Amino acid sequence: LNVLVAARDNGVKKVVYASSSSAYGDTPTLPKREDMNPCPLSPYAVNKLAAEYYCQV
């Protein structure tokens, strides 16, 4: 979150965020796509998904 706030405050237009497929659970569908329904199964996955949502705002 600190990086996003600093980027906003300094006029940065794009931030590249590396998430994890774990945010989408153990579905057998490959490749994982951003339009899939998220299903995080661990605290790590929940954190990655929350960070994705922060980046969208």
C-alpha atoms as a PDB file:
ATOM      1  CA  LEU A   1       0.000   0.000   0.000  1.00  0.00           C
ATOM      2  CA  ASN A   2       2.895   2.355   0.701  1.00  0.00           C
ATOM      3  CA  VAL A   3       4.133   1.980  -2.880  1.00  0.00           C
ATOM      4  CA  LEU A   4       0.700   2.833  -4.274  1.00  0.00           C
ATOM      5  CA  VAL A   5       0.375   5.900  -2.050  1.00  0.00           C
ATOM      6  CA  ALA A   6       3.874   7.091  -2.997  1.00  0.00           C
ATOM      7  CA  ALA A   7       3.121   6.521  -6.690  1.00  0.00           C
ATOM      8  CA  ARG A   8      -0.078   8.545  -6.444  1.00  0.00           C
ATOM      9  CA  ASP A   9       1.601  11.355  -4.515  1.00  0.00           C
ATOM     10  CA  ASN A  10       4.386  11.586  -7.105  1.00  0.00           C
ATOM     11  CA  GLY A  11       2.250  11.416 -10.231  1.00  0.00           C
ATOM     12  CA  VAL A  12       3.320   7.934 -11.308  1.00  0.00           C
ATOM     13  CA  LYS A  13       0.824   6.720 -13.909  1.00  0.00           C
ATOM     14  CA  LYS A  14       1.520   2.972 -13.879  1.00  0.00           C
ATOM     15  CA  VAL A  15       2.620   0.457 -11.267  1.00  0.00           C
ATOM     16  CA  VAL A  16       3.329  -3.155 -12.204  1.00  0.00           C
ATOM     17  CA  TYR A  17       2.125  -5.559  -9.511  1.00  0.00           C
ATOM     18  CA  ALA A  18       3.117  -9.229  -9.530  1.00  0.00           C
ATOM     19  CA  SER A  19       0.297 -11.189  -7.952  1.00  0.00           C
ATOM     20  CA  SER A  20      -0.089 -14.951  -7.607  1.00  0.00           C
ATOM     21  CA  SER A  21      -2.334 -17.572  -9.141  1.00  0.00           C
ATOM     22  CA  SER A  22      -3.048 -18.705  -5.576  1.00  0.00           C
ATOM     23  CA  ALA A  23      -5.601 -15.871  -5.395  1.00  0.00           C
ATOM     24  CA  TYR A  24      -7.768 -17.964  -7.731  1.00  0.00           C
ATOM     25  CA  GLY A  25      -7.621 -21.196  -5.736  1.00  0.00           C
ATOM     26  CA  ASP A  26      -7.011 -24.745  -6.845  1.00  0.00           C
ATOM     27  CA  THR A  27      -9.170 -24.738  -9.955  1.00  0.00           C
ATOM     28  CA  PRO A  28      -7.772 -27.049 -12.643  1.00  0.00           C
ATOM     29  CA  THR A  29      -8.357 -24.430 -15.363  1.00  0.00           C
ATOM     30  CA  LEU A  30      -5.146 -23.321 -17.035  1.00  0.00           C
ATOM     31  CA  PRO A  31      -4.066 -20.714 -17.746  1.00  0.00           C
ATOM     32  CA  LYS A  32      -5.507 -18.665 -14.904  1.00  0.00           C
ATOM     33  CA  ARG A  33      -7.204 -15.485 -16.105  1.00  0.00           C
ATOM     34  CA  GLU A  34      -7.925 -12.239 -14.303  1.00  0.00           C
ATOM     35  CA  ASP A  35     -11.647 -12.548 -15.053  1.00  0.00           C
ATOM     36  CA  MET A  36     -11.941 -15.838 -13.129  1.00  0.00           C
ATOM     37  CA  ASN A  37     -13.765 -15.802  -9.797  1.00  0.00           C
ATOM     38  CA  PRO A  38     -11.217 -15.542  -6.990  1.00  0.00           C
ATOM     39  CA  CYS A  39     -11.166 -18.281  -4.372  1.00  0.00           C
ATOM     40  CA  PRO A  40      -8.182 -17.691  -2.065  1.00  0.00           C
ATOM     41  CA  LEU A  41      -7.453 -20.676   0.176  1.00  0.00           C
ATOM     42  CA  SER A  42      -4.700 -19.275   2.401  1.00  0.00           C
ATOM     43  CA  PRO A  43      -3.778 -16.033   4.171  1.00  0.00           C
ATOM     44  CA  TYR A  44      -1.071 -15.522   1.523  1.00  0.00           C
ATOM     45  CA  ALA A  45      -3.654 -15.791  -1.267  1.00  0.00           C
ATOM     46  CA  VAL A  46      -6.042 -13.414   0.528  1.00  0.00           C
ATOM     47  CA  ASN A  47      -3.216 -10.885   0.856  1.00  0.00           C
ATOM     48  CA  LYS A  48      -2.364 -11.142  -2.854  1.00  0.00           C
ATOM     49  CA  LEU A  49      -6.017 -10.722  -3.824  1.00  0.00           C
ATOM     50  CA  ALA A  50      -6.444  -7.715  -1.525  1.00  0.00           C
ATOM     51  CA  ALA A  51      -3.375  -6.111  -3.088  1.00  0.00           C
ATOM     52  CA  GLU A  52      -4.865  -6.671  -6.568  1.00  0.00           C
ATOM     53  CA  TYR A  53      -8.008  -4.852  -5.450  1.00  0.00           C
ATOM     54  CA  TYR A  54      -5.967  -1.972  -3.998  1.00  0.00           C
ATOM     55  CA  CYS A  55      -4.194  -1.633  -7.354  1.00  0.00           C
ATOM     56  CA  GLN A  56      -7.528  -1.367  -9.163  1.00  0.00           C
ATOM     57  CA  VAL A  57      -8.667   1.556  -7.011  1.00  0.00           C
END
